[in-house]
Amino acid sequence: MQAKIFFPAAAIIALLLIALSLVWPQGLGTRSLPPFGHAIEMPDYYRMVRERDERRQHEAEQKAAQARADAAASAAAASASAQAAALK
């Protein structure tokens, strides 16, 4: 094979392979570009862990909100009893 044909063909093949590597799916990373991409389906274990972490975070937020409400209610009750004692 002549060098005039081989080297340009090798360069074109190398560029095509590099372009293909840029759009090929990479595990659980981001989606590939449109002609090659598809929706990522996470394994059940990872979905379970993500849902568990979201649930725990939501429960912690609810507990914190309840604690703030309880503190505000006890502060209001304390100030009301202090006012009642001052009026006696």
PDB file of N, CA and C in Angstrom:
ATOM      1  N   MET A   1       0.842  -1.160   0.000  1.00  0.00           N
ATOM      2  CA  MET A   1       0.000   0.000   0.000  1.00  0.00           C
ATOM      3  C   MET A   1       0.897   1.236   0.000  1.00  0.00           C
ATOM      4  N   GLN A   2       0.527   2.210  -0.755  1.00  0.00           N
ATOM      5  CA  GLN A   2       1.328   3.421  -0.866  1.00  0.00           C
ATOM      6  C   GLN A   2       1.130   4.328   0.347  1.00  0.00           C
ATOM      7  N   ALA A   3       2.172   5.047   0.681  1.00  0.00           N
ATOM      8  CA  ALA A   3       2.134   5.941   1.841  1.00  0.00           C
ATOM      9  C   ALA A   3       1.149   7.089   1.623  1.00  0.00           C
ATOM     10  N   LYS A   4       0.940   7.492   0.362  1.00  0.00           N
ATOM     11  CA  LYS A   4       0.011   8.575   0.061  1.00  0.00           C
ATOM     12  C   LYS A   4      -1.427   8.196   0.415  1.00  0.00           C
ATOM     13  N   ILE A   5      -1.733   6.943   0.428  1.00  0.00           N
ATOM     14  CA  ILE A   5      -3.077   6.470   0.753  1.00  0.00           C
ATOM     15  C   ILE A   5      -3.159   6.057   2.231  1.00  0.00           C
ATOM     16  N   PHE A   6      -2.133   5.365   2.705  1.00  0.00           N
ATOM     17  CA  PHE A   6      -2.173   4.799   4.061  1.00  0.00           C
ATOM     18  C   PHE A   6      -2.235   5.870   5.146  1.00  0.00           C
ATOM     19  N   PHE A   7      -1.337   6.844   5.135  1.00  0.00           N
ATOM     20  CA  PHE A   7      -1.266   7.821   6.221  1.00  0.00           C
ATOM     21  C   PHE A   7      -2.506   8.719   6.310  1.00  0.00           C
ATOM     22  N   PRO A   8      -3.049   9.224   5.211  1.00  0.00           N
ATOM     23  CA  PRO A   8      -4.305   9.987   5.337  1.00  0.00           C
ATOM     24  C   PRO A   8      -5.465   9.114   5.826  1.00  0.00           C
ATOM     25  N   ALA A   9      -5.507   7.863   5.357  1.00  0.00           N
ATOM     26  CA  ALA A   9      -6.565   6.961   5.818  1.00  0.00           C
ATOM     27  C   ALA A   9      -6.409   6.668   7.306  1.00  0.00           C
ATOM     28  N   ALA A  10      -5.177   6.465   7.772  1.00  0.00           N
ATOM     29  CA  ALA A  10      -4.932   6.218   9.192  1.00  0.00           C
ATOM     30  C   ALA A  10      -5.312   7.444  10.020  1.00  0.00           C
ATOM     31  N   ALA A  11      -5.023   8.638   9.525  1.00  0.00           N
ATOM     32  CA  ALA A  11      -5.375   9.864  10.246  1.00  0.00           C
ATOM     33  C   ALA A  11      -6.889  10.019  10.336  1.00  0.00           C
ATOM     34  N   ILE A  12      -7.594   9.734   9.252  1.00  0.00           N
ATOM     35  CA  ILE A  12      -9.059   9.834   9.254  1.00  0.00           C
ATOM     36  C   ILE A  12      -9.658   8.814  10.218  1.00  0.00           C
ATOM     37  N   ILE A  13      -9.146   7.596  10.211  1.00  0.00           N
ATOM     38  CA  ILE A  13      -9.635   6.563  11.134  1.00  0.00           C
ATOM     39  C   ILE A  13      -9.369   6.977  12.581  1.00  0.00           C
ATOM     40  N   ALA A  14      -8.208   7.533  12.846  1.00  0.00           N
ATOM     41  CA  ALA A  14      -7.879   7.986  14.203  1.00  0.00           C
ATOM     42  C   ALA A  14      -8.830   9.096  14.647  1.00  0.00           C
ATOM     43  N   LEU A  15      -9.124  10.046  13.777  1.00  0.00           N
ATOM     44  CA  LEU A  15     -10.047  11.126  14.120  1.00  0.00           C
ATOM     45  C   LEU A  15     -11.451  10.594  14.357  1.00  0.00           C
ATOM     46  N   LEU A  16     -11.891   9.631  13.552  1.00  0.00           N
ATOM     47  CA  LEU A  16     -13.213   9.034  13.760  1.00  0.00           C
ATOM     48  C   LEU A  16     -13.290   8.292  15.091  1.00  0.00           C
ATOM     49  N   LEU A  17     -12.229   7.587  15.452  1.00  0.00           N
ATOM     50  CA  LEU A  17     -12.216   6.886  16.736  1.00  0.00           C
ATOM     51  C   LEU A  17     -12.219   7.861  17.912  1.00  0.00           C
ATOM     52  N   ILE A  18     -11.511   8.960  17.776  1.00  0.00           N
ATOM     53  CA  ILE A  18     -11.523   9.978  18.833  1.00  0.00           C
ATOM     54  C   ILE A  18     -12.917  10.581  18.961  1.00  0.00           C
ATOM     55  N   ALA A  19     -13.555  10.896  17.833  1.00  0.00           N
ATOM     56  CA  ALA A  19     -14.918  11.433  17.874  1.00  0.00           C
ATOM     57  C   ALA A  19     -15.880  10.433  18.504  1.00  0.00           C
ATOM     58  N   LEU A  20     -15.729   9.160  18.191  1.00  0.00           N
ATOM     59  CA  LEU A  20     -16.587   8.133  18.774  1.00  0.00           C
ATOM     60  C   LEU A  20     -16.379   8.037  20.285  1.00  0.00           C
ATOM     61  N   SER A  21     -15.151   8.173  20.730  1.00  0.00           N
ATOM     62  CA  SER A  21     -14.884   8.092  22.175  1.00  0.00           C
ATOM     63  C   SER A  21     -15.504   9.261  22.928  1.00  0.00           C
ATOM     64  N   LEU A  22     -15.723  10.387  22.266  1.00  0.00           N
ATOM     65  CA  LEU A  22     -16.325  11.538  22.929  1.00  0.00           C
ATOM     66  C   LEU A  22     -17.819  11.374  23.155  1.00  0.00           C
ATOM     67  N   VAL A  23     -18.492  10.546  22.361  1.00  0.00           N
ATOM     68  CA  VAL A  23     -19.945  10.379  22.483  1.00  0.00           C
ATOM     69  C   VAL A  23     -20.337   9.009  23.020  1.00  0.00           C
ATOM     70  N   TRP A  24     -19.405   8.140  23.294  1.00  0.00           N
ATOM     71  CA  TRP A  24     -19.717   6.801  23.779  1.00  0.00           C
ATOM     72  C   TRP A  24     -20.172   6.880  25.242  1.00  0.00           C
ATOM     73  N   PRO A  25     -21.212   6.129  25.636  1.00  0.00           N
ATOM     74  CA  PRO A  25     -21.689   6.175  27.028  1.00  0.00           C
ATOM     75  C   PRO A  25     -20.593   5.785  28.017  1.00  0.00           C
ATOM     76  N   GLN A  26     -20.585   6.460  29.153  1.00  0.00           N
ATOM     77  CA  GLN A  26     -19.545   6.237  30.149  1.00  0.00           C
ATOM     78  C   GLN A  26     -20.161   5.794  31.474  1.00  0.00           C
ATOM     79  N   GLY A  27     -20.736   4.624  31.546  1.00  0.00           N
ATOM     80  CA  GLY A  27     -21.255   4.083  32.799  1.00  0.00           C
ATOM     81  C   GLY A  27     -22.398   4.902  33.352  1.00  0.00           C
ATOM     82  N   LEU A  28     -22.301   5.310  34.622  1.00  0.00           N
ATOM     83  CA  LEU A  28     -23.353   6.073  35.270  1.00  0.00           C
ATOM     84  C   LEU A  28     -23.148   7.568  35.128  1.00  0.00           C
ATOM     85  N   GLY A  29     -22.318   8.004  34.219  1.00  0.00           N
ATOM     86  CA  GLY A  29     -22.072   9.428  34.009  1.00  0.00           C
ATOM     87  C   GLY A  29     -23.194  10.073  33.222  1.00  0.00           C
ATOM     88  N   THR A  30     -22.895  11.179  32.595  1.00  0.00           N
ATOM     89  CA  THR A  30     -23.911  11.901  31.853  1.00  0.00           C
ATOM     90  C   THR A  30     -24.239  11.173  30.556  1.00  0.00           C
ATOM     91  N   ARG A  31     -25.376  11.528  29.993  1.00  0.00           N
ATOM     92  CA  ARG A  31     -25.810  10.893  28.746  1.00  0.00           C
ATOM     93  C   ARG A  31     -24.905  11.274  27.589  1.00  0.00           C
ATOM     94  N   SER A  32     -24.858  10.412  26.620  1.00  0.00           N
ATOM     95  CA  SER A  32     -24.102  10.709  25.406  1.00  0.00           C
ATOM     96  C   SER A  32     -24.899  11.680  24.547  1.00  0.00           C
ATOM     97  N   LEU A  33     -24.260  12.197  23.527  1.00  0.00           N
ATOM     98  CA  LEU A  33     -24.927  13.114  22.629  1.00  0.00           C
ATOM     99  C   LEU A  33     -26.039  12.388  21.870  1.00  0.00           C
ATOM    100  N   PRO A  34     -27.030  13.113  21.342  1.00  0.00           N
ATOM    101  CA  PRO A  34     -28.275  12.542  20.855  1.00  0.00           C
ATOM    102  C   PRO A  34     -28.246  11.281  19.991  1.00  0.00           C
ATOM    103  N   PRO A  35     -27.465  11.133  18.963  1.00  0.00           N
ATOM    104  CA  PRO A  35     -27.687   9.902  18.204  1.00  0.00           C
ATOM    105  C   PRO A  35     -27.290   8.647  18.966  1.00  0.00           C
ATOM    106  N   PHE A  36     -26.441   8.764  19.984  1.00  0.00           N
ATOM    107  CA  PHE A  36     -25.973   7.585  20.707  1.00  0.00           C
ATOM    108  C   PHE A  36     -26.568   7.466  22.097  1.00  0.00           C
ATOM    109  N   GLY A  37     -27.117   8.543  22.637  1.00  0.00           N
ATOM    110  CA  GLY A  37     -27.563   8.558  24.021  1.00  0.00           C
ATOM    111  C   GLY A  37     -28.863   7.821  24.250  1.00  0.00           C
ATOM    112  N   HIS A  38     -29.042   7.360  25.465  1.00  0.00           N
ATOM    113  CA  HIS A  38     -30.297   6.763  25.902  1.00  0.00           C
ATOM    114  C   HIS A  38     -30.449   7.046  27.390  1.00  0.00           C
ATOM    115  N   ALA A  39     -31.653   6.859  27.900  1.00  0.00           N
ATOM    116  CA  ALA A  39     -31.898   7.148  29.312  1.00  0.00           C
ATOM    117  C   ALA A  39     -31.079   6.209  30.184  1.00  0.00           C
ATOM    118  N   ILE A  40     -30.508   6.769  31.227  1.00  0.00           N
ATOM    119  CA  ILE A  40     -29.685   5.976  32.136  1.00  0.00           C
ATOM    120  C   ILE A  40     -30.597   5.283  33.139  1.00  0.00           C
ATOM    121  N   GLU A  41     -30.430   3.998  33.273  1.00  0.00           N
ATOM    122  CA  GLU A  41     -31.192   3.240  34.252  1.00  0.00           C
ATOM    123  C   GLU A  41     -30.239   2.839  35.365  1.00  0.00           C
ATOM    124  N   MET A  42     -30.502   3.346  36.540  1.00  0.00           N
ATOM    125  CA  MET A  42     -29.637   3.031  37.666  1.00  0.00           C
ATOM    126  C   MET A  42     -29.988   1.647  38.210  1.00  0.00           C
ATOM    127  N   PRO A  43     -29.011   0.915  38.679  1.00  0.00           N
ATOM    128  CA  PRO A  43     -29.312  -0.362  39.314  1.00  0.00           C
ATOM    129  C   PRO A  43     -30.185  -0.145  40.547  1.00  0.00           C
ATOM    130  N   ASP A  44     -30.939  -1.170  40.931  1.00  0.00           N
ATOM    131  CA  ASP A  44     -31.861  -1.048  42.052  1.00  0.00           C
ATOM    132  C   ASP A  44     -31.159  -0.649  43.342  1.00  0.00           C
ATOM    133  N   TYR A  45     -29.953  -1.125  43.569  1.00  0.00           N
ATOM    134  CA  TYR A  45     -29.242  -0.802  44.810  1.00  0.00           C
ATOM    135  C   TYR A  45     -28.983   0.690  44.912  1.00  0.00           C
ATOM    136  N   TYR A  46     -28.494   1.297  43.842  1.00  0.00           N
ATOM    137  CA  TYR A  46     -28.192   2.726  43.868  1.00  0.00           C
ATOM    138  C   TYR A  46     -29.470   3.551  44.013  1.00  0.00           C
ATOM    139  N   ARG A  47     -30.545   3.119  43.379  1.00  0.00           N
ATOM    140  CA  ARG A  47     -31.821   3.807  43.513  1.00  0.00           C
ATOM    141  C   ARG A  47     -32.303   3.709  44.960  1.00  0.00           C
ATOM    142  N   MET A  48     -32.152   2.523  45.568  1.00  0.00           N
ATOM    143  CA  MET A  48     -32.570   2.322  46.944  1.00  0.00           C
ATOM    144  C   MET A  48     -31.772   3.234  47.883  1.00  0.00           C
ATOM    145  N   VAL A  49     -30.457   3.316  47.681  1.00  0.00           N
ATOM    146  CA  VAL A  49     -29.611   4.155  48.528  1.00  0.00           C
ATOM    147  C   VAL A  49     -29.993   5.627  48.372  1.00  0.00           C
ATOM    148  N   ARG A  50     -30.220   6.074  47.148  1.00  0.00           N
ATOM    149  CA  ARG A  50     -30.592   7.467  46.913  1.00  0.00           C
ATOM    150  C   ARG A  50     -31.929   7.786  47.574  1.00  0.00           C
ATOM    151  N   GLU A  51     -32.925   6.893  47.428  1.00  0.00           N
ATOM    152  CA  GLU A  51     -34.230   7.118  48.038  1.00  0.00           C
ATOM    153  C   GLU A  51     -34.138   7.102  49.561  1.00  0.00           C
ATOM    154  N   ARG A  52     -33.307   6.218  50.121  1.00  0.00           N
ATOM    155  CA  ARG A  52     -33.131   6.158  51.572  1.00  0.00           C
ATOM    156  C   ARG A  52     -32.523   7.451  52.090  1.00  0.00           C
ATOM    157  N   ASP A  53     -31.497   7.949  51.394  1.00  0.00           N
ATOM    158  CA  ASP A  53     -30.862   9.192  51.816  1.00  0.00           C
ATOM    159  C   ASP A  53     -31.823  10.371  51.732  1.00  0.00           C
ATOM    160  N   GLU A  54     -32.644  10.421  50.679  1.00  0.00           N
ATOM    161  CA  GLU A  54     -33.636  11.491  50.552  1.00  0.00           C
ATOM    162  C   GLU A  54     -34.666  11.400  51.668  1.00  0.00           C
ATOM    163  N   ARG A  55     -35.102  10.186  51.998  1.00  0.00           N
ATOM    164  CA  ARG A  55     -36.085   9.995  53.063  1.00  0.00           C
ATOM    165  C   ARG A  55     -35.505  10.428  54.415  1.00  0.00           C
ATOM    166  N   ARG A  56     -34.261  10.041  54.691  1.00  0.00           N
ATOM    167  CA  ARG A  56     -33.627  10.438  55.954  1.00  0.00           C
ATOM    168  C   ARG A  56     -33.468  11.954  56.044  1.00  0.00           C
ATOM    169  N   GLN A  57     -33.103  12.589  54.947  1.00  0.00           N
ATOM    170  CA  GLN A  57     -32.957  14.037  54.946  1.00  0.00           C
ATOM    171  C   GLN A  57     -34.309  14.703  55.198  1.00  0.00           C
ATOM    172  N   HIS A  58     -35.361  14.193  54.573  1.00  0.00           N
ATOM    173  CA  HIS A  58     -36.700  14.749  54.759  1.00  0.00           C
ATOM    174  C   HIS A  58     -37.148  14.583  56.214  1.00  0.00           C
ATOM    175  N   GLU A  59     -36.880  13.414  56.815  1.00  0.00           N
ATOM    176  CA  GLU A  59     -37.240  13.189  58.213  1.00  0.00           C
ATOM    177  C   GLU A  59     -36.467  14.124  59.134  1.00  0.00           C
ATOM    178  N   ALA A  60     -35.190  14.354  58.862  1.00  0.00           N
ATOM    179  CA  ALA A  60     -34.389  15.265  59.673  1.00  0.00           C
ATOM    180  C   ALA A  60     -34.932  16.688  59.574  1.00  0.00           C
ATOM    181  N   GLU A  61     -35.345  17.100  58.384  1.00  0.00           N
ATOM    182  CA  GLU A  61     -35.916  18.426  58.216  1.00  0.00           C
ATOM    183  C   GLU A  61     -37.221  18.555  58.980  1.00  0.00           C
ATOM    184  N   GLN A  62     -38.052  17.497  58.960  1.00  0.00           N
ATOM    185  CA  GLN A  62     -39.313  17.524  59.700  1.00  0.00           C
ATOM    186  C   GLN A  62     -39.062  17.597  61.203  1.00  0.00           C
ATOM    187  N   LYS A  63     -38.083  16.842  61.701  1.00  0.00           N
ATOM    188  CA  LYS A  63     -37.761  16.875  63.127  1.00  0.00           C
ATOM    189  C   LYS A  63     -37.260  18.253  63.541  1.00  0.00           C
ATOM    190  N   ALA A  64     -36.435  18.871  62.697  1.00  0.00           N
ATOM    191  CA  ALA A  64     -35.925  20.203  62.999  1.00  0.00           C
ATOM    192  C   ALA A  64     -37.064  21.220  63.018  1.00  0.00           C
ATOM    193  N   ALA A  65     -37.993  21.121  62.086  1.00  0.00           N
ATOM    194  CA  ALA A  65     -39.134  22.042  62.054  1.00  0.00           C
ATOM    195  C   ALA A  65     -40.010  21.835  63.288  1.00  0.00           C
ATOM    196  N   GLN A  66     -40.220  20.586  63.693  1.00  0.00           N
ATOM    197  CA  GLN A  66     -41.011  20.296  64.886  1.00  0.00           C
ATOM    198  C   GLN A  66     -40.316  20.831  66.138  1.00  0.00           C
ATOM    199  N   ALA A  67     -38.993  20.681  66.204  1.00  0.00           N
ATOM    200  CA  ALA A  67     -38.240  21.195  67.351  1.00  0.00           C
ATOM    201  C   ALA A  67     -38.335  22.717  67.421  1.00  0.00           C
ATOM    202  N   ARG A  68     -38.270  23.390  66.265  1.00  0.00           N
ATOM    203  CA  ARG A  68     -38.420  24.849  66.257  1.00  0.00           C
ATOM    204  C   ARG A  68     -39.815  25.253  66.711  1.00  0.00           C
ATOM    205  N   ALA A  69     -40.836  24.524  66.271  1.00  0.00           N
ATOM    206  CA  ALA A  69     -42.213  24.825  66.673  1.00  0.00           C
ATOM    207  C   ALA A  69     -42.399  24.598  68.170  1.00  0.00           C
ATOM    208  N   ASP A  70     -41.832  23.509  68.694  1.00  0.00           N
ATOM    209  CA  ASP A  70     -41.925  23.232  70.134  1.00  0.00           C
ATOM    210  C   ASP A  70     -41.213  24.307  70.945  1.00  0.00           C
ATOM    211  N   ALA A  71     -40.055  24.744  70.488  1.00  0.00           N
ATOM    212  CA  ALA A  71     -39.309  25.789  71.191  1.00  0.00           C
ATOM    213  C   ALA A  71     -40.081  27.102  71.180  1.00  0.00           C
ATOM    214  N   ALA A  72     -40.693  27.426  70.062  1.00  0.00           N
ATOM    215  CA  ALA A  72     -41.481  28.654  69.980  1.00  0.00           C
ATOM    216  C   ALA A  72     -42.698  28.572  70.893  1.00  0.00           C
ATOM    217  N   ALA A  73     -43.351  27.398  70.958  1.00  0.00           N
ATOM    218  CA  ALA A  73     -44.521  27.230  71.815  1.00  0.00           C
ATOM    219  C   ALA A  73     -44.140  27.319  73.289  1.00  0.00           C
ATOM    220  N   SER A  74     -43.022  26.708  73.669  1.00  0.00           N
ATOM    221  CA  SER A  74     -42.609  26.775  75.071  1.00  0.00           C
ATOM    222  C   SER A  74     -42.173  28.186  75.445  1.00  0.00           C
ATOM    223  N   ALA A  75     -41.556  28.890  74.526  1.00  0.00           N
ATOM    224  CA  ALA A  75     -41.170  30.281  74.787  1.00  0.00           C
ATOM    225  C   ALA A  75     -42.411  31.146  74.950  1.00  0.00           C
ATOM    226  N   ALA A  76     -43.418  30.914  74.143  1.00  0.00           N
ATOM    227  CA  ALA A  76     -44.665  31.678  74.256  1.00  0.00           C
ATOM    228  C   ALA A  76     -45.359  31.368  75.573  1.00  0.00           C
ATOM    229  N   ALA A  77     -45.370  30.107  75.969  1.00  0.00           N
ATOM    230  CA  ALA A  77     -45.989  29.728  77.244  1.00  0.00           C
ATOM    231  C   ALA A  77     -45.235  30.336  78.413  1.00  0.00           C
ATOM    232  N   ALA A  78     -43.916  30.350  78.342  1.00  0.00           N
ATOM    233  CA  ALA A  78     -43.113  30.932  79.410  1.00  0.00           C
ATOM    234  C   ALA A  78     -43.355  32.430  79.529  1.00  0.00           C
ATOM    235  N   SER A  79     -43.441  33.114  78.400  1.00  0.00           N
ATOM    236  CA  SER A  79     -43.692  34.558  78.452  1.00  0.00           C
ATOM    237  C   SER A  79     -45.105  34.843  78.943  1.00  0.00           C
ATOM    238  N   ALA A  80     -46.069  33.990  78.591  1.00  0.00           N
ATOM    239  CA  ALA A  80     -47.445  34.176  79.069  1.00  0.00           C
ATOM    240  C   ALA A  80     -47.525  33.971  80.575  1.00  0.00           C
ATOM    241  N   SER A  81     -46.827  32.952  81.084  1.00  0.00           N
ATOM    242  CA  SER A  81     -46.848  32.724  82.540  1.00  0.00           C
ATOM    243  C   SER A  81     -46.107  33.833  83.275  1.00  0.00           C
ATOM    244  N   ALA A  82     -45.064  34.383  82.679  1.00  0.00           N
ATOM    245  CA  ALA A  82     -44.343  35.507  83.296  1.00  0.00           C
ATOM    246  C   ALA A  82     -45.225  36.743  83.341  1.00  0.00           C
ATOM    247  N   GLN A  83     -46.000  36.979  82.297  1.00  0.00           N
ATOM    248  CA  GLN A  83     -46.920  38.116  82.283  1.00  0.00           C
ATOM    249  C   GLN A  83     -48.045  37.933  83.304  1.00  0.00           C
ATOM    250  N   ALA A  84     -48.523  36.693  83.429  1.00  0.00           N
ATOM    251  CA  ALA A  84     -49.588  36.410  84.400  1.00  0.00           C
ATOM    252  C   ALA A  84     -49.062  36.597  85.821  1.00  0.00           C
ATOM    253  N   ALA A  85     -47.824  36.188  86.049  1.00  0.00           N
ATOM    254  CA  ALA A  85     -47.235  36.367  87.385  1.00  0.00           C
ATOM    255  C   ALA A  85     -47.006  37.852  87.680  1.00  0.00           C
ATOM    256  N   ALA A  86     -46.682  38.632  86.685  1.00  0.00           N
ATOM    257  CA  ALA A  86     -46.450  40.056  86.876  1.00  0.00           C
ATOM    258  C   ALA A  86     -47.748  40.796  87.156  1.00  0.00           C
ATOM    259  N   LEU A  87     -48.876  40.305  86.659  1.00  0.00           N
ATOM    260  CA  LEU A  87     -50.163  40.959  86.866  1.00  0.00           C
ATOM    261  C   LEU A  87     -50.737  40.681  88.258  1.00  0.00           C
ATOM    262  N   LYS A  88     -50.268  39.647  88.945  1.00  0.00           N
ATOM    263  CA  LYS A  88     -50.790  39.289  90.267  1.00  0.00           C
ATOM    264  C   LYS A  88     -50.363  40.242  91.270  1.00  0.00           C
TER     265      LYS A  88
END
